[in-house]
Amino acid sequence: MTTQHYQFFCQLDYAIFQDHGYKGLYGGLGAKDIHIRKGQKKSQKILDHMGSAELAANLFRATQTEEKLKRDQVRGKRQANQTHFEVGKKVRQTIDDLGSSMPAK
């Protein structure tokens, strides 16, 4: 496998990992779905078009996923993707429990 192929697969793996986190936080919506829901162009980045609460929820999702992956010594793509989804889902549940607006509304 060439370096170029390896970089492509690493980027693809990361995109899939991110999508799992988004699906947890956004009630099943992946990155493409969020773009559509927000009326964004393909070239626009999701995180660049969020209010402070939505951005904070995404940052919390990301930091807590990183901590959980380390703490639980998660190995393998499937388990990491599932962990990211679960953390995103818990952040969504907390937002709902607090009576706050859900992301991407």
PDB file of N, CA and C in Angstrom:
ATOM      1  N   MET A   1       0.852  -1.179   0.000  1.00  0.00           N
ATOM      2  CA  MET A   1       0.000   0.000   0.000  1.00  0.00           C
ATOM      3  C   MET A   1       0.894   1.237   0.000  1.00  0.00           C
ATOM      4  N   THR A   2       0.586   2.172  -0.866  1.00  0.00           N
ATOM      5  CA  THR A   2       1.380   3.395  -0.950  1.00  0.00           C
ATOM      6  C   THR A   2       0.991   4.355   0.171  1.00  0.00           C
ATOM      7  N   THR A   3       1.830   5.333   0.408  1.00  0.00           N
ATOM      8  CA  THR A   3       1.545   6.358   1.417  1.00  0.00           C
ATOM      9  C   THR A   3       0.254   7.083   1.079  1.00  0.00           C
ATOM     10  N   GLN A   4       0.027   7.335  -0.188  1.00  0.00           N
ATOM     11  CA  GLN A   4      -1.180   8.028  -0.625  1.00  0.00           C
ATOM     12  C   GLN A   4      -2.433   7.202  -0.285  1.00  0.00           C
ATOM     13  N   HIS A   5      -2.369   5.879  -0.533  1.00  0.00           N
ATOM     14  CA  HIS A   5      -3.488   5.010  -0.189  1.00  0.00           C
ATOM     15  C   HIS A   5      -3.707   5.005   1.321  1.00  0.00           C
ATOM     16  N   TYR A   6      -2.620   4.915   2.078  1.00  0.00           N
ATOM     17  CA  TYR A   6      -2.716   4.885   3.537  1.00  0.00           C
ATOM     18  C   TYR A   6      -3.371   6.158   4.059  1.00  0.00           C
ATOM     19  N   GLN A   7      -2.965   7.309   3.532  1.00  0.00           N
ATOM     20  CA  GLN A   7      -3.550   8.577   3.974  1.00  0.00           C
ATOM     21  C   GLN A   7      -5.030   8.636   3.645  1.00  0.00           C
ATOM     22  N   PHE A   8      -5.409   8.124   2.475  1.00  0.00           N
ATOM     23  CA  PHE A   8      -6.819   8.108   2.095  1.00  0.00           C
ATOM     24  C   PHE A   8      -7.620   7.264   3.081  1.00  0.00           C
ATOM     25  N   PHE A   9      -7.110   6.063   3.388  1.00  0.00           N
ATOM     26  CA  PHE A   9      -7.835   5.189   4.309  1.00  0.00           C
ATOM     27  C   PHE A   9      -7.889   5.778   5.711  1.00  0.00           C
ATOM     28  N   CYS A  10      -6.821   6.440   6.140  1.00  0.00           N
ATOM     29  CA  CYS A  10      -6.836   7.095   7.453  1.00  0.00           C
ATOM     30  C   CYS A  10      -7.884   8.209   7.481  1.00  0.00           C
ATOM     31  N   GLN A  11      -7.965   9.005   6.416  1.00  0.00           N
ATOM     32  CA  GLN A  11      -8.958  10.072   6.335  1.00  0.00           C
ATOM     33  C   GLN A  11     -10.364   9.489   6.302  1.00  0.00           C
ATOM     34  N   LEU A  12     -10.535   8.404   5.560  1.00  0.00           N
ATOM     35  CA  LEU A  12     -11.833   7.752   5.477  1.00  0.00           C
ATOM     36  C   LEU A  12     -12.230   7.191   6.838  1.00  0.00           C
ATOM     37  N   ASP A  13     -11.302   6.540   7.522  1.00  0.00           N
ATOM     38  CA  ASP A  13     -11.578   6.009   8.861  1.00  0.00           C
ATOM     39  C   ASP A  13     -11.980   7.123   9.815  1.00  0.00           C
ATOM     40  N   TYR A  14     -11.274   8.248   9.754  1.00  0.00           N
ATOM     41  CA  TYR A  14     -11.581   9.375  10.627  1.00  0.00           C
ATOM     42  C   TYR A  14     -12.961   9.947  10.300  1.00  0.00           C
ATOM     43  N   ALA A  15     -13.292  10.041   9.018  1.00  0.00           N
ATOM     44  CA  ALA A  15     -14.607  10.547   8.617  1.00  0.00           C
ATOM     45  C   ALA A  15     -15.715   9.628   9.129  1.00  0.00           C
ATOM     46  N   ILE A  16     -15.505   8.336   9.053  1.00  0.00           N
ATOM     47  CA  ILE A  16     -16.486   7.370   9.559  1.00  0.00           C
ATOM     48  C   ILE A  16     -16.616   7.507  11.077  1.00  0.00           C
ATOM     49  N   PHE A  17     -15.487   7.646  11.763  1.00  0.00           N
ATOM     50  CA  PHE A  17     -15.480   7.835  13.217  1.00  0.00           C
ATOM     51  C   PHE A  17     -16.258   9.096  13.594  1.00  0.00           C
ATOM     52  N   GLN A  18     -15.993  10.202  12.902  1.00  0.00           N
ATOM     53  CA  GLN A  18     -16.704  11.459  13.169  1.00  0.00           C
ATOM     54  C   GLN A  18     -18.198  11.299  12.923  1.00  0.00           C
ATOM     55  N   ASP A  19     -18.543  10.610  11.857  1.00  0.00           N
ATOM     56  CA  ASP A  19     -19.946  10.415  11.508  1.00  0.00           C
ATOM     57  C   ASP A  19     -20.687   9.659  12.618  1.00  0.00           C
ATOM     58  N   HIS A  20     -20.023   8.694  13.230  1.00  0.00           N
ATOM     59  CA  HIS A  20     -20.645   7.969  14.342  1.00  0.00           C
ATOM     60  C   HIS A  20     -20.946   8.918  15.507  1.00  0.00           C
ATOM     61  N   GLY A  21     -20.027   9.821  15.800  1.00  0.00           N
ATOM     62  CA  GLY A  21     -20.273  10.799  16.862  1.00  0.00           C
ATOM     63  C   GLY A  21     -21.421  11.723  16.523  1.00  0.00           C
ATOM     64  N   TYR A  22     -21.452  12.196  15.279  1.00  0.00           N
ATOM     65  CA  TYR A  22     -22.557  13.047  14.838  1.00  0.00           C
ATOM     66  C   TYR A  22     -23.886  12.297  14.942  1.00  0.00           C
ATOM     67  N   LYS A  23     -23.913  11.052  14.498  1.00  0.00           N
ATOM     68  CA  LYS A  23     -25.161  10.283  14.543  1.00  0.00           C
ATOM     69  C   LYS A  23     -25.675  10.119  15.966  1.00  0.00           C
ATOM     70  N   GLY A  24     -24.783   9.957  16.912  1.00  0.00           N
ATOM     71  CA  GLY A  24     -25.210   9.876  18.298  1.00  0.00           C
ATOM     72  C   GLY A  24     -25.784  11.189  18.794  1.00  0.00           C
ATOM     73  N   LEU A  25     -25.094  12.277  18.518  1.00  0.00           N
ATOM     74  CA  LEU A  25     -25.509  13.598  19.001  1.00  0.00           C
ATOM     75  C   LEU A  25     -26.715  14.140  18.259  1.00  0.00           C
ATOM     76  N   TYR A  26     -26.830  13.840  16.975  1.00  0.00           N
ATOM     77  CA  TYR A  26     -27.887  14.412  16.143  1.00  0.00           C
ATOM     78  C   TYR A  26     -29.028  13.432  15.876  1.00  0.00           C
ATOM     79  N   GLY A  27     -29.211  12.458  16.750  1.00  0.00           N
ATOM     80  CA  GLY A  27     -30.351  11.560  16.638  1.00  0.00           C
ATOM     81  C   GLY A  27     -30.398  10.752  15.357  1.00  0.00           C
ATOM     82  N   GLY A  28     -29.242  10.278  14.915  1.00  0.00           N
ATOM     83  CA  GLY A  28     -29.164   9.442  13.724  1.00  0.00           C
ATOM     84  C   GLY A  28     -28.704  10.149  12.467  1.00  0.00           C
ATOM     85  N   LEU A  29     -28.583  11.473  12.519  1.00  0.00           N
ATOM     86  CA  LEU A  29     -28.127  12.228  11.347  1.00  0.00           C
ATOM     87  C   LEU A  29     -26.607  12.189  11.246  1.00  0.00           C
ATOM     88  N   GLY A  30     -26.123  11.832  10.073  1.00  0.00           N
ATOM     89  CA  GLY A  30     -24.690  11.872   9.816  1.00  0.00           C
ATOM     90  C   GLY A  30     -24.306  13.221   9.238  1.00  0.00           C
ATOM     91  N   ALA A  31     -23.051  13.374   8.891  1.00  0.00           N
ATOM     92  CA  ALA A  31     -22.537  14.654   8.385  1.00  0.00           C
ATOM     93  C   ALA A  31     -23.304  15.134   7.148  1.00  0.00           C
ATOM     94  N   LYS A  32     -23.558  14.238   6.197  1.00  0.00           N
ATOM     95  CA  LYS A  32     -24.291  14.631   4.983  1.00  0.00           C
ATOM     96  C   LYS A  32     -25.703  15.103   5.328  1.00  0.00           C
ATOM     97  N   ASP A  33     -26.345  14.395   6.244  1.00  0.00           N
ATOM     98  CA  ASP A  33     -27.703  14.759   6.664  1.00  0.00           C
ATOM     99  C   ASP A  33     -27.728  16.121   7.355  1.00  0.00           C
ATOM    100  N   ILE A  34     -26.710  16.381   8.159  1.00  0.00           N
ATOM    101  CA  ILE A  34     -26.624  17.667   8.873  1.00  0.00           C
ATOM    102  C   ILE A  34     -26.441  18.797   7.860  1.00  0.00           C
ATOM    103  N   HIS A  35     -25.584  18.571   6.867  1.00  0.00           N
ATOM    104  CA  HIS A  35     -25.395  19.568   5.807  1.00  0.00           C
ATOM    105  C   HIS A  35     -26.731  19.902   5.143  1.00  0.00           C
ATOM    106  N   ILE A  36     -27.482  18.876   4.822  1.00  0.00           N
ATOM    107  CA  ILE A  36     -28.782  19.074   4.167  1.00  0.00           C
ATOM    108  C   ILE A  36     -29.735  19.810   5.103  1.00  0.00           C
ATOM    109  N   ARG A  37     -29.826  19.360   6.338  1.00  0.00           N
ATOM    110  CA  ARG A  37     -30.743  19.968   7.311  1.00  0.00           C
ATOM    111  C   ARG A  37     -30.445  21.451   7.504  1.00  0.00           C
ATOM    112  N   LYS A  38     -29.148  21.794   7.507  1.00  0.00           N
ATOM    113  CA  LYS A  38     -28.744  23.189   7.724  1.00  0.00           C
ATOM    114  C   LYS A  38     -28.674  23.998   6.424  1.00  0.00           C
ATOM    115  N   GLY A  39     -28.906  23.329   5.289  1.00  0.00           N
ATOM    116  CA  GLY A  39     -28.843  24.023   4.010  1.00  0.00           C
ATOM    117  C   GLY A  39     -27.438  24.455   3.632  1.00  0.00           C
ATOM    118  N   GLN A  40     -26.448  23.675   4.050  1.00  0.00           N
ATOM    119  CA  GLN A  40     -25.057  24.015   3.765  1.00  0.00           C
ATOM    120  C   GLN A  40     -24.597  23.433   2.441  1.00  0.00           C
ATOM    121  N   LYS A  41     -23.627  24.113   1.859  1.00  0.00           N
ATOM    122  CA  LYS A  41     -22.967  23.596   0.664  1.00  0.00           C
ATOM    123  C   LYS A  41     -21.992  22.513   1.101  1.00  0.00           C
ATOM    124  N   LYS A  42     -21.662  21.641   0.173  1.00  0.00           N
ATOM    125  CA  LYS A  42     -20.742  20.532   0.459  1.00  0.00           C
ATOM    126  C   LYS A  42     -19.388  21.052   0.958  1.00  0.00           C
ATOM    127  N   SER A  43     -18.969  22.198   0.462  1.00  0.00           N
ATOM    128  CA  SER A  43     -17.661  22.753   0.823  1.00  0.00           C
ATOM    129  C   SER A  43     -17.645  23.382   2.227  1.00  0.00           C
ATOM    130  N   GLN A  44     -18.814  23.644   2.787  1.00  0.00           N
ATOM    131  CA  GLN A  44     -18.874  24.280   4.103  1.00  0.00           C
ATOM    132  C   GLN A  44     -18.667  23.239   5.200  1.00  0.00           C
ATOM    133  N   LYS A  45     -17.987  23.650   6.259  1.00  0.00           N
ATOM    134  CA  LYS A  45     -17.733  22.764   7.390  1.00  0.00           C
ATOM    135  C   LYS A  45     -18.834  22.942   8.433  1.00  0.00           C
ATOM    136  N   ILE A  46     -19.324  21.828   8.927  1.00  0.00           N
ATOM    137  CA  ILE A  46     -20.430  21.840   9.891  1.00  0.00           C
ATOM    138  C   ILE A  46     -20.094  22.705  11.103  1.00  0.00           C
ATOM    139  N   LEU A  47     -18.917  22.516  11.663  1.00  0.00           N
ATOM    140  CA  LEU A  47     -18.547  23.214  12.899  1.00  0.00           C
ATOM    141  C   LEU A  47     -18.423  24.729  12.731  1.00  0.00           C
ATOM    142  N   ASP A  48     -18.238  25.181  11.500  1.00  0.00           N
ATOM    143  CA  ASP A  48     -18.106  26.623  11.244  1.00  0.00           C
ATOM    144  C   ASP A  48     -19.451  27.338  11.226  1.00  0.00           C
ATOM    145  N   HIS A  49     -20.537  26.582  11.289  1.00  0.00           N
ATOM    146  CA  HIS A  49     -21.869  27.175  11.173  1.00  0.00           C
ATOM    147  C   HIS A  49     -22.765  26.730  12.324  1.00  0.00           C
ATOM    148  N   MET A  50     -22.256  26.891  13.549  1.00  0.00           N
ATOM    149  CA  MET A  50     -22.989  26.508  14.750  1.00  0.00           C
ATOM    150  C   MET A  50     -23.014  27.660  15.732  1.00  0.00           C
ATOM    151  N   GLY A  51     -24.072  27.679  16.515  1.00  0.00           N
ATOM    152  CA  GLY A  51     -24.125  28.610  17.631  1.00  0.00           C
ATOM    153  C   GLY A  51     -23.264  28.083  18.764  1.00  0.00           C
ATOM    154  N   SER A  52     -23.124  28.864  19.814  1.00  0.00           N
ATOM    155  CA  SER A  52     -22.221  28.495  20.906  1.00  0.00           C
ATOM    156  C   SER A  52     -22.655  27.228  21.642  1.00  0.00           C
ATOM    157  N   ALA A  53     -23.952  27.036  21.871  1.00  0.00           N
ATOM    158  CA  ALA A  53     -24.413  25.848  22.592  1.00  0.00           C
ATOM    159  C   ALA A  53     -24.160  24.576  21.773  1.00  0.00           C
ATOM    160  N   GLU A  54     -24.453  24.652  20.474  1.00  0.00           N
ATOM    161  CA  GLU A  54     -24.242  23.485  19.608  1.00  0.00           C
ATOM    162  C   GLU A  54     -22.752  23.178  19.477  1.00  0.00           C
ATOM    163  N   LEU A  55     -21.940  24.209  19.351  1.00  0.00           N
ATOM    164  CA  LEU A  55     -20.495  24.018  19.267  1.00  0.00           C
ATOM    165  C   LEU A  55     -19.955  23.406  20.556  1.00  0.00           C
ATOM    166  N   ALA A  56     -20.449  23.895  21.691  1.00  0.00           N
ATOM    167  CA  ALA A  56     -20.021  23.356  22.988  1.00  0.00           C
ATOM    168  C   ALA A  56     -20.424  21.890  23.135  1.00  0.00           C
ATOM    169  N   ALA A  57     -21.621  21.529  22.667  1.00  0.00           N
ATOM    170  CA  ALA A  57     -22.063  20.134  22.732  1.00  0.00           C
ATOM    171  C   ALA A  57     -21.138  19.248  21.902  1.00  0.00           C
ATOM    172  N   ASN A  58     -20.732  19.722  20.735  1.00  0.00           N
ATOM    173  CA  ASN A  58     -19.822  18.951  19.891  1.00  0.00           C
ATOM    174  C   ASN A  58     -18.442  18.837  20.505  1.00  0.00           C
ATOM    175  N   LEU A  59     -17.967  19.891  21.109  1.00  0.00           N
ATOM    176  CA  LEU A  59     -16.666  19.841  21.775  1.00  0.00           C
ATOM    177  C   LEU A  59     -16.713  18.887  22.966  1.00  0.00           C
ATOM    178  N   PHE A  60     -17.792  18.947  23.732  1.00  0.00           N
ATOM    179  CA  PHE A  60     -17.959  18.040  24.869  1.00  0.00           C
ATOM    180  C   PHE A  60     -18.004  16.588  24.394  1.00  0.00           C
ATOM    181  N   ARG A  61     -18.738  16.347  23.306  1.00  0.00           N
ATOM    182  CA  ARG A  61     -18.789  15.000  22.716  1.00  0.00           C
ATOM    183  C   ARG A  61     -17.388  14.521  22.361  1.00  0.00           C
ATOM    184  N   ALA A  62     -16.629  15.372  21.718  1.00  0.00           N
ATOM    185  CA  ALA A  62     -15.285  14.994  21.265  1.00  0.00           C
ATOM    186  C   ALA A  62     -14.336  14.750  22.441  1.00  0.00           C
ATOM    187  N   THR A  63     -14.348  15.647  23.417  1.00  0.00           N
ATOM    188  CA  THR A  63     -13.424  15.487  24.552  1.00  0.00           C
ATOM    189  C   THR A  63     -13.781  14.282  25.405  1.00  0.00           C
ATOM    190  N   GLN A  64     -15.084  14.056  25.607  1.00  0.00           N
ATOM    191  CA  GLN A  64     -15.496  12.914  26.427  1.00  0.00           C
ATOM    192  C   GLN A  64     -15.252  11.594  25.710  1.00  0.00           C
ATOM    193  N   THR A  65     -15.375  11.594  24.398  1.00  0.00           N
ATOM    194  CA  THR A  65     -15.057  10.385  23.637  1.00  0.00           C
ATOM    195  C   THR A  65     -13.574  10.073  23.763  1.00  0.00           C
ATOM    196  N   GLU A  66     -12.747  11.090  23.620  1.00  0.00           N
ATOM    197  CA  GLU A  66     -11.296  10.881  23.750  1.00  0.00           C
ATOM    198  C   GLU A  66     -10.945  10.306  25.122  1.00  0.00           C
ATOM    199  N   GLU A  67     -11.530  10.873  26.164  1.00  0.00           N
ATOM    200  CA  GLU A  67     -11.258  10.385  27.520  1.00  0.00           C
ATOM    201  C   GLU A  67     -11.741   8.943  27.700  1.00  0.00           C
ATOM    202  N   LYS A  68     -12.911   8.628  27.193  1.00  0.00           N
ATOM    203  CA  LYS A  68     -13.460   7.278  27.333  1.00  0.00           C
ATOM    204  C   LYS A  68     -12.630   6.261  26.550  1.00  0.00           C
ATOM    205  N   LEU A  69     -12.185   6.638  25.357  1.00  0.00           N
ATOM    206  CA  LEU A  69     -11.345   5.738  24.567  1.00  0.00           C
ATOM    207  C   LEU A  69     -10.061   5.396  25.326  1.00  0.00           C
ATOM    208  N   LYS A  70      -9.479   6.395  25.974  1.00  0.00           N
ATOM    209  CA  LYS A  70      -8.250   6.175  26.748  1.00  0.00           C
ATOM    210  C   LYS A  70      -8.535   5.360  28.005  1.00  0.00           C
ATOM    211  N   ARG A  71      -9.538   5.804  28.763  1.00  0.00           N
ATOM    212  CA  ARG A  71      -9.859   5.171  30.045  1.00  0.00           C
ATOM    213  C   ARG A  71     -10.238   3.703  29.874  1.00  0.00           C
ATOM    214  N   ASP A  72     -11.049   3.413  28.869  1.00  0.00           N
ATOM    215  CA  ASP A  72     -11.516   2.041  28.643  1.00  0.00           C
ATOM    216  C   ASP A  72     -10.571   1.231  27.768  1.00  0.00           C
ATOM    217  N   GLN A  73      -9.477   1.856  27.353  1.00  0.00           N
ATOM    218  CA  GLN A  73      -8.478   1.223  26.490  1.00  0.00           C
ATOM    219  C   GLN A  73      -9.132   0.572  25.271  1.00  0.00           C
ATOM    220  N   VAL A  74      -9.962   1.367  24.611  1.00  0.00           N
ATOM    221  CA  VAL A  74     -10.685   0.895  23.430  1.00  0.00           C
ATOM    222  C   VAL A  74      -9.703   0.635  22.297  1.00  0.00           C
ATOM    223  N   ARG A  75      -9.845  -0.513  21.686  1.00  0.00           N
ATOM    224  CA  ARG A  75      -8.991  -0.910  20.565  1.00  0.00           C
ATOM    225  C   ARG A  75      -9.885  -1.288  19.395  1.00  0.00           C
ATOM    226  N   GLY A  76      -9.464  -0.953  18.226  1.00  0.00           N
ATOM    227  CA  GLY A  76     -10.176  -1.336  17.015  1.00  0.00           C
ATOM    228  C   GLY A  76     -11.167  -0.279  16.570  1.00  0.00           C
ATOM    229  N   LYS A  77     -11.334  -0.211  15.258  1.00  0.00           N
ATOM    230  CA  LYS A  77     -12.197   0.807  14.652  1.00  0.00           C
ATOM    231  C   LYS A  77     -13.652   0.636  15.050  1.00  0.00           C
ATOM    232  N   ARG A  78     -14.149  -0.586  15.005  1.00  0.00           N
ATOM    233  CA  ARG A  78     -15.568  -0.816  15.315  1.00  0.00           C
ATOM    234  C   ARG A  78     -15.911  -0.373  16.724  1.00  0.00           C
ATOM    235  N   GLN A  79     -15.080  -0.749  17.671  1.00  0.00           N
ATOM    236  CA  GLN A  79     -15.341  -0.392  19.066  1.00  0.00           C
ATOM    237  C   GLN A  79     -15.198   1.115  19.278  1.00  0.00           C
ATOM    238  N   ALA A  80     -14.226   1.730  18.617  1.00  0.00           N
ATOM    239  CA  ALA A  80     -14.048   3.185  18.732  1.00  0.00           C
ATOM    240  C   ALA A  80     -15.244   3.915  18.137  1.00  0.00           C
ATOM    241  N   ASN A  81     -15.718   3.460  16.978  1.00  0.00           N
ATOM    242  CA  ASN A  81     -16.882   4.075  16.350  1.00  0.00           C
ATOM    243  C   ASN A  81     -18.112   3.951  17.244  1.00  0.00           C
ATOM    244  N   GLN A  82     -18.316   2.783  17.822  1.00  0.00           N
ATOM    245  CA  GLN A  82     -19.464   2.553  18.694  1.00  0.00           C
ATOM    246  C   GLN A  82     -19.371   3.424  19.951  1.00  0.00           C
ATOM    247  N   THR A  83     -18.179   3.560  20.498  1.00  0.00           N
ATOM    248  CA  THR A  83     -17.977   4.409  21.673  1.00  0.00           C
ATOM    249  C   THR A  83     -18.327   5.853  21.337  1.00  0.00           C
ATOM    250  N   HIS A  84     -17.882   6.331  20.176  1.00  0.00           N
ATOM    251  CA  HIS A  84     -18.162   7.711  19.780  1.00  0.00           C
ATOM    252  C   HIS A  84     -19.668   7.927  19.628  1.00  0.00           C
ATOM    253  N   PHE A  85     -20.355   6.963  19.031  1.00  0.00           N
ATOM    254  CA  PHE A  85     -21.804   7.039  18.887  1.00  0.00           C
ATOM    255  C   PHE A  85     -22.478   7.106  20.258  1.00  0.00           C
ATOM    256  N   GLU A  86     -22.076   6.236  21.157  1.00  0.00           N
ATOM    257  CA  GLU A  86     -22.692   6.172  22.488  1.00  0.00           C
ATOM    258  C   GLU A  86     -22.475   7.457  23.274  1.00  0.00           C
ATOM    259  N   VAL A  87     -21.277   8.013  23.213  1.00  0.00           N
ATOM    260  CA  VAL A  87     -21.009   9.273  23.906  1.00  0.00           C
ATOM    261  C   VAL A  87     -21.869  10.383  23.308  1.00  0.00           C
ATOM    262  N   GLY A  88     -21.937  10.454  21.988  1.00  0.00           N
ATOM    263  CA  GLY A  88     -22.790  11.451  21.335  1.00  0.00           C
ATOM    264  C   GLY A  88     -24.237  11.318  21.763  1.00  0.00           C
ATOM    265  N   LYS A  89     -24.714  10.089  21.867  1.00  0.00           N
ATOM    266  CA  LYS A  89     -26.092   9.825  22.276  1.00  0.00           C
ATOM    267  C   LYS A  89     -26.338  10.284  23.713  1.00  0.00           C
ATOM    268  N   LYS A  90     -25.354  10.068  24.586  1.00  0.00           N
ATOM    269  CA  LYS A  90     -25.492  10.500  25.984  1.00  0.00           C
ATOM    270  C   LYS A  90     -25.484  12.020  26.104  1.00  0.00           C
ATOM    271  N   VAL A  91     -24.677  12.680  25.292  1.00  0.00           N
ATOM    272  CA  VAL A  91     -24.676  14.146  25.293  1.00  0.00           C
ATOM    273  C   VAL A  91     -26.042  14.639  24.827  1.00  0.00           C
ATOM    274  N   ARG A  92     -26.589  14.022  23.792  1.00  0.00           N
ATOM    275  CA  ARG A  92     -27.929  14.385  23.303  1.00  0.00           C
ATOM    276  C   ARG A  92     -28.969  14.191  24.407  1.00  0.00           C
ATOM    277  N   GLN A  93     -28.889  13.072  25.106  1.00  0.00           N
ATOM    278  CA  GLN A  93     -29.842  12.791  26.185  1.00  0.00           C
ATOM    279  C   GLN A  93     -29.740  13.832  27.293  1.00  0.00           C
ATOM    280  N   THR A  94     -28.532  14.241  27.625  1.00  0.00           N
ATOM    281  CA  THR A  94     -28.335  15.271  28.649  1.00  0.00           C
ATOM    282  C   THR A  94     -28.956  16.593  28.210  1.00  0.00           C
ATOM    283  N   ILE A  95     -28.772  16.962  26.956  1.00  0.00           N
ATOM    284  CA  ILE A  95     -29.367  18.191  26.423  1.00  0.00           C
ATOM    285  C   ILE A  95     -30.890  18.115  26.556  1.00  0.00           C
ATOM    286  N   ASP A  96     -31.440  16.970  26.207  1.00  0.00           N
ATOM    287  CA  ASP A  96     -32.881  16.779  26.305  1.00  0.00           C
ATOM    288  C   ASP A  96     -33.346  16.839  27.765  1.00  0.00           C
ATOM    289  N   ASP A  97     -32.621  16.174  28.653  1.00  0.00           N
ATOM    290  CA  ASP A  97     -32.976  16.170  30.078  1.00  0.00           C
ATOM    291  C   ASP A  97     -32.993  17.580  30.668  1.00  0.00           C
ATOM    292  N   LEU A  98     -32.110  18.437  30.167  1.00  0.00           N
ATOM    293  CA  LEU A  98     -32.030  19.809  30.653  1.00  0.00           C
ATOM    294  C   LEU A  98     -33.081  20.719  30.021  1.00  0.00           C
ATOM    295  N   GLY A  99     -33.782  20.179  29.021  1.00  0.00           N
ATOM    296  CA  GLY A  99     -34.815  20.963  28.347  1.00  0.00           C
ATOM    297  C   GLY A  99     -34.271  21.975  27.348  1.00  0.00           C
ATOM    298  N   SER A 100     -33.047  21.768  26.929  1.00  0.00           N
ATOM    299  CA  SER A 100     -32.420  22.678  25.962  1.00  0.00           C
ATOM    300  C   SER A 100     -32.772  22.256  24.539  1.00  0.00           C
ATOM    301  N   SER A 101     -32.487  23.147  23.592  1.00  0.00           N
ATOM    302  CA  SER A 101     -32.749  22.853  22.174  1.00  0.00           C
ATOM    303  C   SER A 101     -31.772  21.809  21.658  1.00  0.00           C
ATOM    304  N   MET A 102     -32.296  20.911  20.854  1.00  0.00           N
ATOM    305  CA  MET A 102     -31.465  19.868  20.246  1.00  0.00           C
ATOM    306  C   MET A 102     -30.632  20.463  19.122  1.00  0.00           C
ATOM    307  N   PRO A 103     -29.445  19.923  18.912  1.00  0.00           N
ATOM    308  CA  PRO A 103     -28.601  20.395  17.811  1.00  0.00           C
ATOM    309  C   PRO A 103     -29.281  20.189  16.464  1.00  0.00           C
ATOM    310  N   ALA A 104     -28.966  21.046  15.529  1.00  0.00           N
ATOM    311  CA  ALA A 104     -29.424  21.003  14.135  1.00  0.00           C
ATOM    312  C   ALA A 104     -30.933  21.197  13.996  1.00  0.00           C
ATOM    313  N   LYS A 105     -31.505  21.967  14.881  1.00  0.00           N
ATOM    314  CA  LYS A 105     -32.935  22.276  14.745  1.00  0.00           C
ATOM    315  C   LYS A 105     -33.095  23.576  14.016  1.00  0.00           C
TER     316      LYS A 105
END
